Amino acid sequence: MGFLTLDGLTKRYGEAAAVSDVSLGVAKGEFISLLGPSGCGKTTTLQMIAGLVEPSAGRITLDGRDITHEKPDRRGLGIVFQSYALFPHMTVAQNVSFGLEMRKVPRAERDTRVKQALALVQLAALADRYPRQLSGGQRQRVAVARALVIDPPVLLLDEPLSNLDAKLREEMQFELRGIQRRVGTTTIMVTHDQSEALSMSDRVVVMEQGRIMQVDAPYRLYESPATPFISTFVGKMNRLPGVWRQGGIEAGGRLLPCDGAGLAEGAAAVLAIRPEKIGLTAPGGGVIDGCIKARFFLGSAWFFTVETSAGLVGVSLPNAGAEPACEGEAVGLAWSSASAKAGRPEGVLSA
């Protein structure tokens, strides 16, 4: 039993199920991300927790209290919407104070709590400005302060960084997580960005077609994805089909080393390996040879697509400062058997 518990939560629209039998326990102070592609049910799940959408079935409890059918304002949850939903005619301080006014908190206490909230998000100096006078990152922090000032038991974040540019988005990931850790508020965030989920969360909940597919710590989710869908949705994954032989997968006329525990000799299988776990060598010096079809400079890394007899393979190498192999060059691909995992084509793939 968690501080916040979802038990068999379901939402149907006619015959279609947007969310199906979602069960999840969230510990007090934990940061959870609901991750998945558009239409997977993550936002609907968040809206049911918030009370904005009525569940078709299931139960929501908060600290032992059944809130399944309570109105949103009775739940006392803090919500940061994708658009931030700030009042343009109010100053920063007035926006943050609004929830306290609705709760009829005395003026002196209101002022103290607003100052504390703005100090927490480092916006005390901008209390008298209007939203139009703020940057995107500053507006996002005002929305967070407004949600936190009411001292909510749970903070709900709906794609909170999606309106920011790439650089600011990355900076705000760490800033938002830092704020959450300082306050200790139980937090649930919806995102379709796997880098956000991995960098900010204590646990990640991956959803597909309205169902939870895996709940795990970010590192374990990345290293041991439970399904082929997760292996390709969370990070990049090479998947090479072949036949399991003792010690590896036979593909493209080569035996490719990997861990295939539980597979029968001669069974159809797929080798899964992350691009960053593959190295480039001279031809003949690796597991399999190939030719660089394309390369892409990503700043901190180089990404290559290499054509091999077993199929097209993606390789990611850190930028060491010197220019690496070029398109059209023959190379060898090297990896350890522990870095690659094999499974049945339709089954579990880990890497």
Protein backbone atom coordinates (compact mmCIF):
# COMPACT_ATOMS: atom_id res chain seq x y z
CA MET A 1 0.00 0.00 0.00
CA GLY A 2 1.51 3.32 -1.12
CA PHE A 3 0.85 6.88 -0.02
CA LEU A 4 -1.05 7.23 -3.30
CA THR A 5 -2.58 4.02 -4.67
CA LEU A 6 -4.28 3.28 -7.98
CA ASP A 7 -6.19 0.00 -7.94
CA GLY A 8 -7.56 -1.34 -11.24
CA LEU A 9 -8.06 2.19 -12.61
CA THR A 10 -9.93 2.10 -15.93
CA LYS A 11 -11.40 4.71 -18.25
CA ARG A 12 -13.61 3.77 -21.19
CA TYR A 13 -15.08 5.97 -23.88
CA GLY A 14 -17.82 3.81 -25.35
CA GLU A 15 -16.20 0.53 -26.37
CA ALA A 16 -12.69 2.01 -26.43
CA ALA A 17 -10.53 1.81 -23.28
CA ALA A 18 -8.19 4.78 -22.85
CA VAL A 19 -6.84 3.27 -19.63
CA SER A 20 -7.17 -0.42 -18.67
CA ASP A 21 -6.72 -1.88 -15.20
CA VAL A 22 -3.90 0.38 -14.04
CA SER A 23 -2.61 -0.47 -10.56
CA LEU A 24 0.25 1.45 -8.96
CA GLY A 25 1.50 2.35 -5.50
CA VAL A 26 3.45 5.60 -5.03
CA ALA A 27 5.48 6.12 -1.85
CA LYS A 28 5.45 9.39 0.06
CA GLY A 29 8.08 11.77 -1.35
CA GLU A 30 8.62 9.65 -4.47
CA PHE A 31 8.99 11.13 -7.98
CA ILE A 32 7.18 8.97 -10.54
CA SER A 33 7.01 9.54 -14.31
CA LEU A 34 4.27 8.17 -16.55
CA LEU A 35 6.07 7.64 -19.87
CA GLY A 36 4.72 6.58 -23.22
CA PRO A 37 3.78 7.66 -26.74
CA SER A 38 0.77 9.85 -27.55
CA GLY A 39 -2.49 8.05 -26.90
CA CYS A 40 -1.05 5.53 -24.41
CA GLY A 41 -3.31 6.69 -21.55
CA LYS A 42 -0.78 8.54 -19.38
CA THR A 43 -2.55 11.93 -19.43
CA THR A 44 -5.94 10.32 -18.81
CA THR A 45 -4.44 8.53 -15.81
CA LEU A 46 -3.10 11.83 -14.44
CA GLN A 47 -6.48 13.52 -15.01
CA MET A 48 -8.25 10.75 -13.08
CA ILE A 49 -5.85 11.26 -10.17
CA ALA A 50 -6.54 15.01 -10.34
CA GLY A 51 -10.31 14.45 -10.43
CA LEU A 52 -10.70 16.05 -13.86
CA VAL A 53 -11.83 12.76 -15.44
CA GLU A 54 -14.23 10.31 -13.79
CA PRO A 55 -12.94 6.70 -13.78
CA SER A 56 -15.10 3.98 -15.35
CA ALA A 57 -13.79 1.49 -12.81
CA GLY A 58 -11.16 1.17 -10.12
CA ARG A 59 -10.17 3.07 -6.99
CA ILE A 60 -7.81 5.90 -6.00
CA THR A 61 -6.69 6.26 -2.40
CA LEU A 62 -4.54 9.03 -0.91
CA ASP A 63 -2.97 8.39 2.49
CA GLY A 64 -5.66 5.78 3.18
CA ARG A 65 -8.55 8.03 2.06
CA ASP A 66 -10.68 7.04 -0.93
CA ILE A 67 -10.70 10.03 -3.30
CA THR A 68 -12.01 8.20 -6.39
CA HIS A 69 -15.13 10.35 -6.69
CA GLU A 70 -14.06 13.48 -4.80
CA LYS A 71 -14.19 16.81 -6.63
CA PRO A 72 -10.78 18.25 -7.69
CA ASP A 73 -10.84 21.09 -5.14
CA ARG A 74 -11.50 18.63 -2.30
CA ARG A 75 -8.41 16.58 -3.15
CA GLY A 76 -6.01 19.45 -2.49
CA LEU A 77 -3.53 18.34 -5.15
CA GLY A 78 -1.08 20.70 -6.86
CA ILE A 79 -1.25 20.70 -10.67
CA VAL A 80 1.12 22.23 -13.24
CA PHE A 81 -0.44 22.19 -16.70
CA GLN A 82 1.40 22.02 -20.01
CA SER A 83 0.39 25.62 -20.79
CA TYR A 84 1.17 26.77 -17.18
CA ALA A 85 -2.31 28.48 -17.15
CA LEU A 86 -1.05 31.68 -15.47
CA PHE A 87 -3.45 34.62 -15.13
CA PRO A 88 -2.07 37.31 -17.49
CA HIS A 89 -3.67 40.21 -15.54
CA MET A 90 -2.06 39.14 -12.24
CA THR A 91 1.50 39.68 -11.08
CA VAL A 92 3.77 36.75 -10.23
CA ALA A 93 2.97 37.16 -6.51
CA GLN A 94 -0.77 37.39 -7.19
CA ASN A 95 -0.67 34.25 -9.36
CA VAL A 96 1.10 32.31 -6.62
CA SER A 97 -1.24 33.67 -3.96
CA PHE A 98 -4.44 32.78 -5.82
CA GLY A 99 -4.85 29.26 -4.44
CA LEU A 100 -4.33 30.51 -0.90
CA GLU A 101 -6.98 33.20 -1.38
CA MET A 102 -9.46 30.58 -2.59
CA ARG A 103 -8.74 28.66 0.63
CA LYS A 104 -9.33 31.85 2.65
CA VAL A 105 -5.85 31.81 4.18
CA PRO A 106 -5.28 35.01 6.24
CA ARG A 107 -3.41 37.80 4.45
CA ALA A 108 -0.31 37.77 6.67
CA GLU A 109 0.13 34.00 6.30
CA ARG A 110 -0.52 34.29 2.55
CA ASP A 111 2.24 36.85 2.11
CA THR A 112 4.71 34.76 4.08
CA ARG A 113 3.95 31.56 2.12
CA VAL A 114 4.12 33.36 -1.24
CA LYS A 115 7.55 34.80 -0.37
CA GLN A 116 8.76 31.34 0.68
CA ALA A 117 7.45 29.75 -2.53
CA LEU A 118 9.05 32.40 -4.76
CA ALA A 119 12.35 32.06 -2.89
CA LEU A 120 12.19 28.29 -3.44
CA VAL A 121 11.99 28.76 -7.23
CA GLN A 122 14.43 31.70 -7.18
CA LEU A 123 11.92 34.30 -8.37
CA ALA A 124 11.64 36.55 -5.30
CA ALA A 125 13.00 39.53 -7.27
CA LEU A 126 10.31 39.15 -9.94
CA ALA A 127 7.25 39.13 -7.64
CA ASP A 128 5.75 42.31 -9.18
CA ARG A 129 6.19 41.34 -12.83
CA TYR A 130 3.44 40.03 -15.10
CA PRO A 131 3.63 36.70 -17.00
CA ARG A 132 4.20 38.51 -20.31
CA GLN A 133 7.40 39.99 -18.85
CA LEU A 134 8.87 36.57 -18.02
CA SER A 135 10.83 34.01 -20.00
CA GLY A 136 9.45 30.52 -20.59
CA GLY A 137 11.55 29.05 -17.82
CA GLN A 138 10.45 31.75 -15.38
CA ARG A 139 6.75 31.18 -16.20
CA GLN A 140 7.27 27.47 -15.62
CA ARG A 141 8.75 28.17 -12.18
CA VAL A 142 5.83 30.47 -11.30
CA ALA A 143 3.44 27.63 -12.14
CA VAL A 144 5.45 25.28 -9.88
CA ALA A 145 5.44 27.85 -7.05
CA ARG A 146 1.68 28.31 -7.38
CA ALA A 147 1.16 24.54 -7.18
CA LEU A 148 3.49 24.11 -4.18
CA VAL A 149 2.36 27.09 -2.11
CA ILE A 150 -0.84 25.30 -1.06
CA ASP A 151 1.34 22.53 0.45
CA PRO A 152 -0.26 19.74 -1.60
CA PRO A 153 0.09 16.06 -0.62
CA VAL A 154 0.78 15.25 -4.30
CA LEU A 155 2.13 17.41 -7.15
CA LEU A 156 0.90 16.51 -10.65
CA LEU A 157 2.96 17.67 -13.65
CA ASP A 158 1.42 17.42 -17.14
CA GLU A 159 4.24 17.69 -19.73
CA PRO A 160 5.65 20.66 -17.75
CA LEU A 161 8.71 21.23 -19.96
CA SER A 162 7.23 20.70 -23.42
CA ASN A 163 6.96 24.43 -24.23
CA LEU A 164 10.64 25.17 -23.57
CA ASP A 165 13.51 25.17 -26.05
CA ALA A 166 15.93 22.24 -25.94
CA LYS A 167 18.68 23.89 -23.84
CA LEU A 168 16.30 25.41 -21.29
CA ARG A 169 14.35 22.17 -21.14
CA GLU A 170 17.47 20.27 -20.11
CA GLU A 171 18.36 22.89 -17.49
CA MET A 172 14.84 22.85 -16.06
CA GLN A 173 14.88 19.05 -15.69
CA PHE A 174 17.57 19.35 -13.03
CA GLU A 175 16.09 22.48 -11.48
CA LEU A 176 12.61 20.99 -11.16
CA ARG A 177 13.97 17.77 -9.67
CA GLY A 178 16.07 19.82 -7.23
CA ILE A 179 12.99 21.75 -6.08
CA GLN A 180 11.06 18.51 -5.59
CA ARG A 181 13.85 17.01 -3.52
CA ARG A 182 14.10 20.09 -1.30
CA VAL A 183 10.35 20.16 -0.66
CA GLY A 184 9.86 16.37 -0.56
CA THR A 185 6.45 16.47 -2.23
CA THR A 186 5.17 13.25 -3.77
CA THR A 187 5.22 13.96 -7.52
CA ILE A 188 3.76 12.34 -10.62
CA MET A 189 4.83 13.65 -14.02
CA VAL A 190 3.45 12.82 -17.45
CA THR A 191 5.95 12.92 -20.31
CA HIS A 192 6.62 11.36 -23.70
CA ASP A 193 10.30 12.32 -23.46
CA GLN A 194 12.34 9.37 -22.22
CA SER A 195 15.36 11.53 -21.29
CA GLU A 196 13.15 13.59 -18.95
CA ALA A 197 11.73 10.47 -17.33
CA LEU A 198 15.13 8.81 -16.89
CA SER A 199 16.91 11.88 -15.49
CA MET A 200 14.21 13.08 -13.07
CA SER A 201 12.43 10.03 -11.67
CA ASP A 202 12.82 7.60 -8.81
CA ARG A 203 10.74 5.16 -10.85
CA VAL A 204 9.39 5.23 -14.40
CA VAL A 205 6.01 3.78 -15.40
CA VAL A 206 5.97 2.87 -19.10
CA MET A 207 2.51 2.73 -20.65
CA GLU A 208 1.34 1.35 -23.98
CA GLN A 209 -2.25 1.21 -25.27
CA GLY A 210 -3.72 2.12 -21.90
CA ARG A 211 -1.79 -0.45 -19.86
CA ILE A 212 1.29 -0.40 -17.66
CA MET A 213 4.05 -2.41 -19.33
CA GLN A 214 6.88 -1.93 -16.81
CA VAL A 215 7.54 -0.05 -13.58
CA ASP A 216 11.19 0.26 -12.63
CA ALA A 217 14.06 2.49 -11.57
CA PRO A 218 15.45 4.42 -14.57
CA TYR A 219 18.71 2.44 -14.74
CA ARG A 220 16.99 -0.94 -14.57
CA LEU A 221 14.36 0.10 -17.08
CA TYR A 222 17.09 1.11 -19.54
CA GLU A 223 19.28 -1.93 -18.97
CA SER A 224 16.50 -4.53 -18.71
CA PRO A 225 13.48 -3.47 -20.78
CA ALA A 226 10.62 -5.95 -20.34
CA THR A 227 9.33 -5.88 -23.93
CA PRO A 228 10.62 -5.13 -27.45
CA PHE A 229 8.46 -1.97 -27.43
CA ILE A 230 10.18 -0.64 -24.29
CA SER A 231 13.64 -1.55 -25.62
CA THR A 232 13.14 0.73 -28.63
CA PHE A 233 11.00 3.44 -26.98
CA VAL A 234 13.39 4.01 -24.05
CA GLY A 235 16.67 4.84 -25.77
CA LYS A 236 17.92 3.30 -29.01
CA MET A 237 18.29 -0.44 -29.48
CA ASN A 238 19.76 -2.59 -32.24
CA ARG A 239 17.72 -5.75 -32.83
CA LEU A 240 19.35 -8.37 -35.06
CA PRO A 241 17.30 -11.48 -35.95
CA GLY A 242 18.95 -14.89 -36.20
CA VAL A 243 19.13 -18.37 -34.68
CA TRP A 244 20.35 -19.19 -31.18
CA ARG A 245 23.49 -21.30 -31.07
CA GLN A 246 25.50 -22.15 -27.98
CA GLY A 247 27.24 -18.90 -27.04
CA GLY A 248 25.46 -16.51 -29.37
CA ILE A 249 23.14 -15.77 -32.25
CA GLU A 250 23.97 -16.94 -35.75
CA ALA A 251 23.22 -14.11 -38.15
CA GLY A 252 24.74 -12.98 -41.40
CA GLY A 253 27.06 -15.98 -41.47
CA ARG A 254 28.65 -15.06 -38.12
CA LEU A 255 28.17 -16.16 -34.52
CA LEU A 256 27.44 -12.96 -32.59
CA PRO A 257 28.22 -13.25 -28.85
CA CYS A 258 25.40 -12.54 -26.41
CA ASP A 259 23.60 -13.83 -23.35
CA GLY A 260 20.66 -16.02 -24.34
CA ALA A 261 19.73 -17.75 -21.09
CA GLY A 262 16.70 -20.00 -21.49
CA LEU A 263 16.80 -20.28 -25.28
CA ALA A 264 16.82 -23.70 -26.96
CA GLU A 265 19.50 -24.61 -29.50
CA GLY A 266 18.36 -23.67 -33.01
CA ALA A 267 15.49 -21.45 -31.82
CA ALA A 268 14.65 -18.26 -33.71
CA ALA A 269 15.92 -15.33 -31.66
CA VAL A 270 16.72 -11.62 -31.72
CA LEU A 271 19.94 -10.10 -30.40
CA ALA A 272 19.46 -6.75 -28.63
CA ILE A 273 22.30 -4.32 -27.94
CA ARG A 274 22.45 -0.60 -27.22
CA PRO A 275 24.47 1.52 -29.71
CA GLU A 276 26.78 2.88 -26.98
CA LYS A 277 27.87 -0.65 -26.05
CA ILE A 278 29.46 -1.24 -29.46
CA GLY A 279 32.99 -0.13 -30.39
CA LEU A 280 34.58 0.42 -33.80
CA THR A 281 37.74 -1.49 -34.69
CA ALA A 282 39.80 -2.22 -37.78
CA PRO A 283 38.17 -4.76 -40.12
CA GLY A 284 38.63 -8.26 -38.76
CA GLY A 285 39.24 -7.01 -35.24
CA GLY A 286 35.69 -7.26 -33.93
CA VAL A 287 32.63 -9.48 -33.84
CA ILE A 288 31.46 -8.66 -37.36
CA ASP A 289 32.67 -6.42 -40.18
CA GLY A 290 30.70 -3.73 -41.94
CA CYS A 291 30.80 -0.48 -43.87
CA ILE A 292 29.85 2.92 -42.47
CA LYS A 293 26.74 4.01 -44.31
CA ALA A 294 26.23 7.33 -42.50
CA ARG A 295 27.56 9.28 -39.52
CA PHE A 296 26.07 12.11 -37.49
CA PHE A 297 27.81 14.56 -35.17
CA LEU A 298 25.77 15.14 -32.00
CA GLY A 299 28.20 17.35 -30.07
CA SER A 300 29.04 15.06 -27.17
CA ALA A 301 28.92 11.95 -29.36
CA TRP A 302 29.10 10.57 -32.89
CA PHE A 303 26.38 8.26 -34.17
CA PHE A 304 27.07 5.82 -37.02
CA THR A 305 24.89 3.51 -39.04
CA VAL A 306 26.94 0.53 -40.17
CA GLU A 307 25.85 -1.92 -42.87
CA THR A 308 26.70 -5.53 -41.97
CA SER A 309 25.73 -8.98 -43.22
CA ALA A 310 23.47 -9.29 -40.15
CA GLY A 311 21.67 -6.01 -40.84
CA LEU A 312 22.03 -2.29 -40.22
CA VAL A 313 23.65 -1.52 -36.85
CA GLY A 314 23.68 1.80 -34.96
CA VAL A 315 26.84 2.70 -33.05
CA SER A 316 27.28 5.60 -30.63
CA LEU A 317 30.78 6.75 -29.62
CA PRO A 318 31.71 9.63 -27.27
CA ASN A 319 33.32 12.63 -28.92
CA ALA A 320 37.02 12.29 -28.06
CA GLY A 321 38.02 15.42 -29.98
CA ALA A 322 39.43 13.83 -33.13
CA GLU A 323 37.43 13.10 -36.26
CA PRO A 324 36.46 9.41 -36.35
CA ALA A 325 35.91 7.00 -39.26
CA CYS A 326 34.19 8.41 -42.33
CA GLU A 327 31.27 7.27 -44.47
CA GLY A 328 32.24 4.43 -46.81
CA GLU A 329 35.03 3.13 -44.54
CA ALA A 330 35.26 -0.57 -43.72
CA VAL A 331 35.20 -1.20 -39.97
CA GLY A 332 34.79 -3.97 -37.43
CA LEU A 333 32.15 -3.89 -34.69
CA ALA A 334 33.19 -5.09 -31.24
CA TRP A 335 31.15 -5.86 -28.14
CA SER A 336 31.26 -8.18 -25.16
CA SER A 337 28.81 -11.05 -24.76
CA ALA A 338 27.61 -9.48 -21.49
CA SER A 339 26.58 -6.29 -23.34
CA ALA A 340 24.17 -8.06 -25.68
CA LYS A 341 21.08 -10.05 -24.71
CA ALA A 342 18.95 -12.37 -26.78
CA GLY A 343 15.34 -13.46 -26.56
CA ARG A 344 12.52 -14.87 -28.61
CA PRO A 345 11.43 -12.54 -31.42
CA GLU A 346 8.13 -11.76 -29.69
CA GLY A 347 9.41 -12.05 -26.13
CA VAL A 348 11.46 -10.27 -23.55
CA LEU A 349 14.58 -8.47 -24.71
CA SER A 350 17.12 -7.12 -22.25
CA ALA A 351 20.24 -5.08 -22.81
